[in-house]
PDB file of all heavy atoms in Angstrom:
ATOM      1  N   TYR A   1      12.177   4.159  -1.467  1.00  0.00           N
ATOM      2  CA  TYR A   1      12.627   3.118  -0.544  1.00  0.00           C
ATOM      3  C   TYR A   1      12.303   1.725  -1.071  1.00  0.00           C
ATOM      4  O   TYR A   1      13.070   0.784  -0.865  1.00  0.00           O
ATOM      5  CB  TYR A   1      11.990   3.313   0.834  1.00  0.00           C
ATOM      6  CG  TYR A   1      12.548   4.488   1.615  1.00  0.00           C
ATOM      7  CD1 TYR A   1      13.116   5.585   0.962  1.00  0.00           C
ATOM      8  CD2 TYR A   1      12.490   4.535   2.998  1.00  0.00           C
ATOM      9  CE1 TYR A   1      13.607   6.670   1.667  1.00  0.00           C
ATOM     10  CE2 TYR A   1      12.978   5.609   3.716  1.00  0.00           C
ATOM     11  CZ  TYR A   1      13.529   6.680   3.032  1.00  0.00           C
ATOM     12  OH  TYR A   1      14.019   7.760   3.732  1.00  0.00           O
ATOM     13  N   LEU A   2      11.153   1.565  -1.743  1.00  0.00           N
ATOM     14  CA  LEU A   2      10.832   0.275  -2.340  1.00  0.00           C
ATOM     15  C   LEU A   2      11.885  -0.114  -3.374  1.00  0.00           C
ATOM     16  O   LEU A   2      12.286  -1.285  -3.467  1.00  0.00           O
ATOM     17  CB  LEU A   2       9.449   0.313  -2.988  1.00  0.00           C
ATOM     18  CG  LEU A   2       8.246   0.491  -2.047  1.00  0.00           C
ATOM     19  CD1 LEU A   2       6.950   0.464  -2.839  1.00  0.00           C
ATOM     20  CD2 LEU A   2       8.222  -0.574  -0.964  1.00  0.00           C
ATOM     21  N   GLN A   3      12.350   0.872  -4.131  1.00  0.00           N
ATOM     22  CA  GLN A   3      13.395   0.615  -5.120  1.00  0.00           C
ATOM     23  C   GLN A   3      14.725   0.295  -4.442  1.00  0.00           C
ATOM     24  O   GLN A   3      15.406  -0.673  -4.802  1.00  0.00           O
ATOM     25  CB  GLN A   3      13.556   1.836  -6.041  1.00  0.00           C
ATOM     26  CG  GLN A   3      12.343   2.122  -6.907  1.00  0.00           C
ATOM     27  CD  GLN A   3      12.439   3.456  -7.627  1.00  0.00           C
ATOM     28  OE1 GLN A   3      13.336   4.265  -7.370  1.00  0.00           O
ATOM     29  NE2 GLN A   3      11.503   3.710  -8.529  1.00  0.00           N
ATOM     30  N   LEU A   4      15.086   1.095  -3.445  1.00  0.00           N
ATOM     31  CA  LEU A   4      16.367   0.909  -2.766  1.00  0.00           C
ATOM     32  C   LEU A   4      16.475  -0.452  -2.087  1.00  0.00           C
ATOM     33  O   LEU A   4      17.547  -1.067  -2.074  1.00  0.00           O
ATOM     34  CB  LEU A   4      16.563   2.003  -1.711  1.00  0.00           C
ATOM     35  CG  LEU A   4      16.948   3.401  -2.179  1.00  0.00           C
ATOM     36  CD1 LEU A   4      16.980   4.356  -0.988  1.00  0.00           C
ATOM     37  CD2 LEU A   4      18.306   3.394  -2.880  1.00  0.00           C
ATOM     38  N   PHE A   5      15.372  -0.916  -1.522  1.00  0.00           N
ATOM     39  CA  PHE A   5      15.414  -2.110  -0.692  1.00  0.00           C
ATOM     40  C   PHE A   5      14.928  -3.366  -1.410  1.00  0.00           C
ATOM     41  O   PHE A   5      14.535  -4.347  -0.787  1.00  0.00           O
ATOM     42  CB  PHE A   5      14.606  -1.886   0.597  1.00  0.00           C
ATOM     43  CG  PHE A   5      15.018  -0.654   1.360  1.00  0.00           C
ATOM     44  CD1 PHE A   5      14.109   0.045   2.139  1.00  0.00           C
ATOM     45  CD2 PHE A   5      16.327  -0.177   1.308  1.00  0.00           C
ATOM     46  CE1 PHE A   5      14.483   1.193   2.840  1.00  0.00           C
ATOM     47  CE2 PHE A   5      16.707   0.967   2.004  1.00  0.00           C
ATOM     48  CZ  PHE A   5      15.791   1.656   2.768  1.00  0.00           C
ATOM     49  N   GLY A   6      14.934  -3.306  -2.769  1.00  0.00           N
ATOM     50  CA  GLY A   6      14.661  -4.497  -3.562  1.00  0.00           C
ATOM     51  C   GLY A   6      13.212  -4.918  -3.632  1.00  0.00           C
ATOM     52  O   GLY A   6      12.910  -6.085  -3.899  1.00  0.00           O
ATOM     53  N   LEU A   7      12.280  -3.987  -3.436  1.00  0.00           N
ATOM     54  CA  LEU A   7      10.866  -4.331  -3.430  1.00  0.00           C
ATOM     55  C   LEU A   7      10.104  -3.794  -4.641  1.00  0.00           C
ATOM     56  O   LEU A   7       8.892  -4.003  -4.745  1.00  0.00           O
ATOM     57  CB  LEU A   7      10.214  -3.804  -2.141  1.00  0.00           C
ATOM     58  CG  LEU A   7      10.627  -4.529  -0.860  1.00  0.00           C
ATOM     59  CD1 LEU A   7      10.215  -3.724   0.362  1.00  0.00           C
ATOM     60  CD2 LEU A   7      10.030  -5.928  -0.805  1.00  0.00           C
ATOM     61  N   GLU A   8      10.788  -3.137  -5.552  1.00  0.00           N
ATOM     62  CA  GLU A   8      10.116  -2.600  -6.733  1.00  0.00           C
ATOM     63  C   GLU A   8       9.506  -3.746  -7.537  1.00  0.00           C
ATOM     64  O   GLU A   8      10.177  -4.729  -7.853  1.00  0.00           O
ATOM     65  CB  GLU A   8      11.099  -1.820  -7.600  1.00  0.00           C
ATOM     66  CG  GLU A   8      10.449  -1.107  -8.777  1.00  0.00           C
ATOM     67  CD  GLU A   8      11.427  -0.269  -9.572  1.00  0.00           C
ATOM     68  OE1 GLU A   8      12.656  -0.444  -9.380  1.00  0.00           O
ATOM     69  OE2 GLU A   8      10.976   0.552 -10.382  1.00  0.00           O
ATOM     70  N   GLY A   9       8.221  -3.622  -7.840  1.00  0.00           N
ATOM     71  CA  GLY A   9       7.531  -4.663  -8.593  1.00  0.00           C
ATOM     72  C   GLY A   9       7.149  -5.878  -7.766  1.00  0.00           C
ATOM     73  O   GLY A   9       6.536  -6.824  -8.281  1.00  0.00           O
ATOM     74  N   LYS A  10       7.491  -5.873  -6.468  1.00  0.00           N
ATOM     75  CA  LYS A  10       7.209  -7.027  -5.613  1.00  0.00           C
ATOM     76  C   LYS A  10       6.093  -6.758  -4.610  1.00  0.00           C
ATOM     77  O   LYS A  10       5.738  -7.618  -3.813  1.00  0.00           O
ATOM     78  CB  LYS A  10       8.478  -7.445  -4.869  1.00  0.00           C
ATOM     79  CG  LYS A  10       9.602  -7.915  -5.796  1.00  0.00           C
ATOM     80  CD  LYS A  10      10.830  -8.339  -4.997  1.00  0.00           C
ATOM     81  CE  LYS A  10      11.943  -8.793  -5.919  1.00  0.00           C
ATOM     82  NZ  LYS A  10      13.166  -9.208  -5.156  1.00  0.00           N
ATOM     83  N   VAL A  11       5.554  -5.541  -4.647  1.00  0.00           N
ATOM     84  CA  VAL A  11       4.394  -5.220  -3.821  1.00  0.00           C
ATOM     85  C   VAL A  11       3.282  -4.714  -4.718  1.00  0.00           C
ATOM     86  O   VAL A  11       3.537  -4.183  -5.807  1.00  0.00           O
ATOM     87  CB  VAL A  11       4.719  -4.165  -2.738  1.00  0.00           C
ATOM     88  CG1 VAL A  11       5.825  -4.644  -1.814  1.00  0.00           C
ATOM     89  CG2 VAL A  11       5.093  -2.832  -3.375  1.00  0.00           C
ATOM     90  N   GLU A  12       2.064  -4.876  -4.278  1.00  0.00           N
ATOM     91  CA  GLU A  12       0.908  -4.373  -5.015  1.00  0.00           C
ATOM     92  C   GLU A  12       0.611  -2.966  -4.521  1.00  0.00           C
ATOM     93  O   GLU A  12       0.395  -2.758  -3.314  1.00  0.00           O
ATOM     94  CB  GLU A  12      -0.295  -5.271  -4.769  1.00  0.00           C
ATOM     95  CG  GLU A  12      -1.535  -4.903  -5.576  1.00  0.00           C
ATOM     96  CD  GLU A  12      -1.410  -5.262  -7.050  1.00  0.00           C
ATOM     97  OE1 GLU A  12      -0.633  -6.180  -7.383  1.00  0.00           O
ATOM     98  OE2 GLU A  12      -2.081  -4.600  -7.868  1.00  0.00           O
ATOM     99  N   LEU A  13       0.621  -1.988  -5.407  1.00  0.00           N
ATOM    100  CA  LEU A  13       0.360  -0.602  -5.011  1.00  0.00           C
ATOM    101  C   LEU A  13      -1.130  -0.308  -5.150  1.00  0.00           C
ATOM    102  O   LEU A  13      -1.698  -0.437  -6.231  1.00  0.00           O
ATOM    103  CB  LEU A  13       1.182   0.360  -5.872  1.00  0.00           C
ATOM    104  CG  LEU A  13       2.711   0.220  -5.758  1.00  0.00           C
ATOM    105  CD1 LEU A  13       3.412   1.232  -6.650  1.00  0.00           C
ATOM    106  CD2 LEU A  13       3.155   0.392  -4.313  1.00  0.00           C
ATOM    107  N   ALA A  14      -1.737   0.085  -4.057  1.00  0.00           N
ATOM    108  CA  ALA A  14      -3.179   0.319  -4.027  1.00  0.00           C
ATOM    109  C   ALA A  14      -3.535   1.655  -4.657  1.00  0.00           C
ATOM    110  O   ALA A  14      -2.841   2.650  -4.461  1.00  0.00           O
ATOM    111  CB  ALA A  14      -3.686   0.273  -2.589  1.00  0.00           C
ATOM    112  N   GLU A  15      -4.643   1.669  -5.398  1.00  0.00           N
ATOM    113  CA  GLU A  15      -5.151   2.901  -6.001  1.00  0.00           C
ATOM    114  C   GLU A  15      -6.181   3.515  -5.052  1.00  0.00           C
ATOM    115  O   GLU A  15      -7.384   3.526  -5.320  1.00  0.00           O
ATOM    116  CB  GLU A  15      -5.758   2.605  -7.375  1.00  0.00           C
ATOM    117  CG  GLU A  15      -4.756   2.151  -8.416  1.00  0.00           C
ATOM    118  CD  GLU A  15      -3.741   3.227  -8.754  1.00  0.00           C
ATOM    119  OE1 GLU A  15      -4.104   4.432  -8.739  1.00  0.00           O
ATOM    120  OE2 GLU A  15      -2.564   2.873  -9.024  1.00  0.00           O
ATOM    121  N   VAL A  16      -5.708   3.977  -3.933  1.00  0.00           N
ATOM    122  CA  VAL A  16      -6.576   4.561  -2.909  1.00  0.00           C
ATOM    123  C   VAL A  16      -5.944   5.863  -2.445  1.00  0.00           C
ATOM    124  O   VAL A  16      -4.723   5.967  -2.359  1.00  0.00           O
ATOM    125  CB  VAL A  16      -6.730   3.604  -1.700  1.00  0.00           C
ATOM    126  CG1 VAL A  16      -7.654   4.205  -0.651  1.00  0.00           C
ATOM    127  CG2 VAL A  16      -7.236   2.241  -2.145  1.00  0.00           C
ATOM    128  N   GLU A  17      -6.756   6.863  -2.155  1.00  0.00           N
ATOM    129  CA  GLU A  17      -6.238   8.118  -1.644  1.00  0.00           C
ATOM    130  C   GLU A  17      -5.707   7.925  -0.222  1.00  0.00           C
ATOM    131  O   GLU A  17      -6.286   7.163   0.559  1.00  0.00           O
ATOM    132  CB  GLU A  17      -7.325   9.202  -1.645  1.00  0.00           C
ATOM    133  CG  GLU A  17      -7.767   9.639  -3.029  1.00  0.00           C
ATOM    134  CD  GLU A  17      -6.664  10.303  -3.823  1.00  0.00           C
ATOM    135  OE1 GLU A  17      -5.817  10.996  -3.203  1.00  0.00           O
ATOM    136  OE2 GLU A  17      -6.619  10.109  -5.049  1.00  0.00           O
ATOM    137  N   LEU A  18      -4.623   8.626   0.105  1.00  0.00           N
ATOM    138  CA  LEU A  18      -4.029   8.481   1.433  1.00  0.00           C
ATOM    139  C   LEU A  18      -5.013   8.866   2.535  1.00  0.00           C
ATOM    140  O   LEU A  18      -4.964   8.321   3.639  1.00  0.00           O
ATOM    141  CB  LEU A  18      -2.757   9.337   1.535  1.00  0.00           C
ATOM    142  CG  LEU A  18      -1.921   9.168   2.806  1.00  0.00           C
ATOM    143  CD1 LEU A  18      -1.462   7.719   2.978  1.00  0.00           C
ATOM    144  CD2 LEU A  18      -0.707  10.107   2.788  1.00  0.00           C
ATOM    145  N   SER A  19      -5.926   9.776   2.224  1.00  0.00           N
ATOM    146  CA  SER A  19      -6.922  10.191   3.228  1.00  0.00           C
ATOM    147  C   SER A  19      -7.832   9.025   3.630  1.00  0.00           C
ATOM    148  O   SER A  19      -8.477   9.074   4.674  1.00  0.00           O
ATOM    149  CB  SER A  19      -7.767  11.348   2.690  1.00  0.00           C
ATOM    150  OG  SER A  19      -8.416  10.980   1.482  1.00  0.00           O
ATOM    151  N   ASN A  20      -7.875   7.990   2.806  1.00  0.00           N
ATOM    152  CA  ASN A  20      -8.710   6.824   3.095  1.00  0.00           C
ATOM    153  C   ASN A  20      -7.896   5.648   3.621  1.00  0.00           C
ATOM    154  O   ASN A  20      -8.401   4.510   3.678  1.00  0.00           O
ATOM    155  CB  ASN A  20      -9.465   6.381   1.832  1.00  0.00           C
ATOM    156  CG  ASN A  20     -10.439   7.434   1.339  1.00  0.00           C
ATOM    157  OD1 ASN A  20     -11.074   8.120   2.141  1.00  0.00           O
ATOM    158  ND2 ASN A  20     -10.552   7.577   0.030  1.00  0.00           N
ATOM    159  N   ALA A  21      -6.637   5.904   4.012  1.00  0.00           N
ATOM    160  CA  ALA A  21      -5.728   4.817   4.391  1.00  0.00           C
ATOM    161  C   ALA A  21      -6.262   3.997   5.571  1.00  0.00           C
ATOM    162  O   ALA A  21      -6.212   2.764   5.555  1.00  0.00           O
ATOM    163  CB  ALA A  21      -4.355   5.380   4.714  1.00  0.00           C
ATOM    164  N   VAL A  22      -6.758   4.668   6.605  1.00  0.00           N
ATOM    165  CA  VAL A  22      -7.184   3.938   7.804  1.00  0.00           C
ATOM    166  C   VAL A  22      -8.393   3.068   7.517  1.00  0.00           C
ATOM    167  O   VAL A  22      -8.438   1.893   7.918  1.00  0.00           O
ATOM    168  CB  VAL A  22      -7.457   4.910   8.967  1.00  0.00           C
ATOM    169  CG1 VAL A  22      -7.967   4.142  10.182  1.00  0.00           C
ATOM    170  CG2 VAL A  22      -6.195   5.681   9.328  1.00  0.00           C
ATOM    171  N   SER A  23      -9.377   3.600   6.812  1.00  0.00           N
ATOM    172  CA  SER A  23     -10.561   2.790   6.493  1.00  0.00           C
ATOM    173  C   SER A  23     -10.190   1.630   5.574  1.00  0.00           C
ATOM    174  O   SER A  23     -10.728   0.519   5.726  1.00  0.00           O
ATOM    175  CB  SER A  23     -11.647   3.662   5.853  1.00  0.00           C
ATOM    176  OG  SER A  23     -11.182   4.261   4.655  1.00  0.00           O
ATOM    177  N   ALA A  24      -9.266   1.846   4.633  1.00  0.00           N
ATOM    178  CA  ALA A  24      -8.822   0.768   3.737  1.00  0.00           C
ATOM    179  C   ALA A  24      -8.084  -0.312   4.511  1.00  0.00           C
ATOM    180  O   ALA A  24      -8.188  -1.510   4.203  1.00  0.00           O
ATOM    181  CB  ALA A  24      -7.933   1.334   2.640  1.00  0.00           C
ATOM    182  N   LEU A  25      -7.347   0.103   5.546  1.00  0.00           N
ATOM    183  CA  LEU A  25      -6.647  -0.864   6.396  1.00  0.00           C
ATOM    184  C   LEU A  25      -7.653  -1.664   7.218  1.00  0.00           C
ATOM    185  O   LEU A  25      -7.515  -2.889   7.385  1.00  0.00           O
ATOM    186  CB  LEU A  25      -5.672  -0.118   7.313  1.00  0.00           C
ATOM    187  CG  LEU A  25      -4.515  -0.911   7.918  1.00  0.00           C
ATOM    188  CD1 LEU A  25      -3.549  -1.366   6.833  1.00  0.00           C
ATOM    189  CD2 LEU A  25      -3.767  -0.065   8.948  1.00  0.00           C
ATOM    190  N   LYS A  26      -8.689  -0.986   7.718  1.00  0.00           N
ATOM    191  CA  LYS A  26      -9.705  -1.654   8.532  1.00  0.00           C
ATOM    192  C   LYS A  26     -10.442  -2.729   7.753  1.00  0.00           C
ATOM    193  O   LYS A  26     -10.718  -3.825   8.280  1.00  0.00           O
ATOM    194  CB  LYS A  26     -10.723  -0.623   9.046  1.00  0.00           C
ATOM    195  CG  LYS A  26     -10.241   0.262  10.179  1.00  0.00           C
ATOM    196  CD  LYS A  26     -11.348   1.218  10.593  1.00  0.00           C
ATOM    197  CE  LYS A  26     -10.905   2.136  11.716  1.00  0.00           C
ATOM    198  NZ  LYS A  26     -11.976   3.093  12.100  1.00  0.00           N
ATOM    199  N   ASN A  27     -10.794  -2.433   6.491  1.00  0.00           N
ATOM    200  CA  ASN A  27     -11.585  -3.394   5.732  1.00  0.00           C
ATOM    201  C   ASN A  27     -10.744  -4.401   4.959  1.00  0.00           C
ATOM    202  O   ASN A  27     -11.272  -5.198   4.167  1.00  0.00           O
ATOM    203  CB  ASN A  27     -12.573  -2.670   4.791  1.00  0.00           C
ATOM    204  CG  ASN A  27     -11.866  -1.838   3.721  1.00  0.00           C
ATOM    205  OD1 ASN A  27     -10.775  -2.175   3.269  1.00  0.00           O
ATOM    206  ND2 ASN A  27     -12.511  -0.754   3.290  1.00  0.00           N
ATOM    207  N   GLY A  28      -9.432  -4.370   5.174  1.00  0.00           N
ATOM    208  CA  GLY A  28      -8.550  -5.346   4.551  1.00  0.00           C
ATOM    209  C   GLY A  28      -8.230  -5.077   3.092  1.00  0.00           C
ATOM    210  O   GLY A  28      -7.638  -5.921   2.412  1.00  0.00           O
ATOM    211  N   GLN A  29      -8.577  -3.875   2.612  1.00  0.00           N
ATOM    212  CA  GLN A  29      -8.291  -3.529   1.224  1.00  0.00           C
ATOM    213  C   GLN A  29      -6.792  -3.376   0.997  1.00  0.00           C
ATOM    214  O   GLN A  29      -6.293  -3.608  -0.091  1.00  0.00           O
ATOM    215  CB  GLN A  29      -9.029  -2.225   0.873  1.00  0.00           C
ATOM    216  CG  GLN A  29      -8.979  -1.839  -0.590  1.00  0.00           C
ATOM    217  CD  GLN A  29      -9.800  -0.589  -0.864  1.00  0.00           C
ATOM    218  OE1 GLN A  29     -10.451  -0.051   0.036  1.00  0.00           O
ATOM    219  NE2 GLN A  29      -9.746  -0.113  -2.108  1.00  0.00           N
ATOM    220  N   ILE A  30      -6.062  -2.959   2.050  1.00  0.00           N
ATOM    221  CA  ILE A  30      -4.612  -2.834   1.989  1.00  0.00           C
ATOM    222  C   ILE A  30      -4.004  -3.504   3.215  1.00  0.00           C
ATOM    223  O   ILE A  30      -4.679  -3.729   4.221  1.00  0.00           O
ATOM    224  CB  ILE A  30      -4.160  -1.352   1.942  1.00  0.00           C
ATOM    225  CG1 ILE A  30      -4.634  -0.592   3.198  1.00  0.00           C
ATOM    226  CG2 ILE A  30      -4.648  -0.665   0.671  1.00  0.00           C
ATOM    227  CD1 ILE A  30      -4.120   0.831   3.295  1.00  0.00           C
ATOM    228  N   ASP A  31      -2.721  -3.848   3.096  1.00  0.00           N
ATOM    229  CA  ASP A  31      -1.984  -4.412   4.228  1.00  0.00           C
ATOM    230  C   ASP A  31      -1.218  -3.350   4.996  1.00  0.00           C
ATOM    231  O   ASP A  31      -0.833  -3.564   6.154  1.00  0.00           O
ATOM    232  CB  ASP A  31      -0.996  -5.474   3.734  1.00  0.00           C
ATOM    233  CG  ASP A  31      -1.690  -6.659   3.092  1.00  0.00           C
ATOM    234  OD1 ASP A  31      -2.492  -7.308   3.781  1.00  0.00           O
ATOM    235  OD2 ASP A  31      -1.442  -6.915   1.890  1.00  0.00           O
ATOM    236  N   GLY A  32      -0.963  -2.224   4.335  1.00  0.00           N
ATOM    237  CA  GLY A  32      -0.204  -1.171   4.988  1.00  0.00           C
ATOM    238  C   GLY A  32      -0.201   0.102   4.164  1.00  0.00           C
ATOM    239  O   GLY A  32      -0.665   0.123   3.023  1.00  0.00           O
TER     240      GLY A  32
END
């Protein structure tokens, strides 16, 4: 979807496991 909607290379991809998504969101490590 990032490729389809023109966002490839325009977002920073986090090196975090999906199981840690909520805690990473809480501490501001990721935006989404």
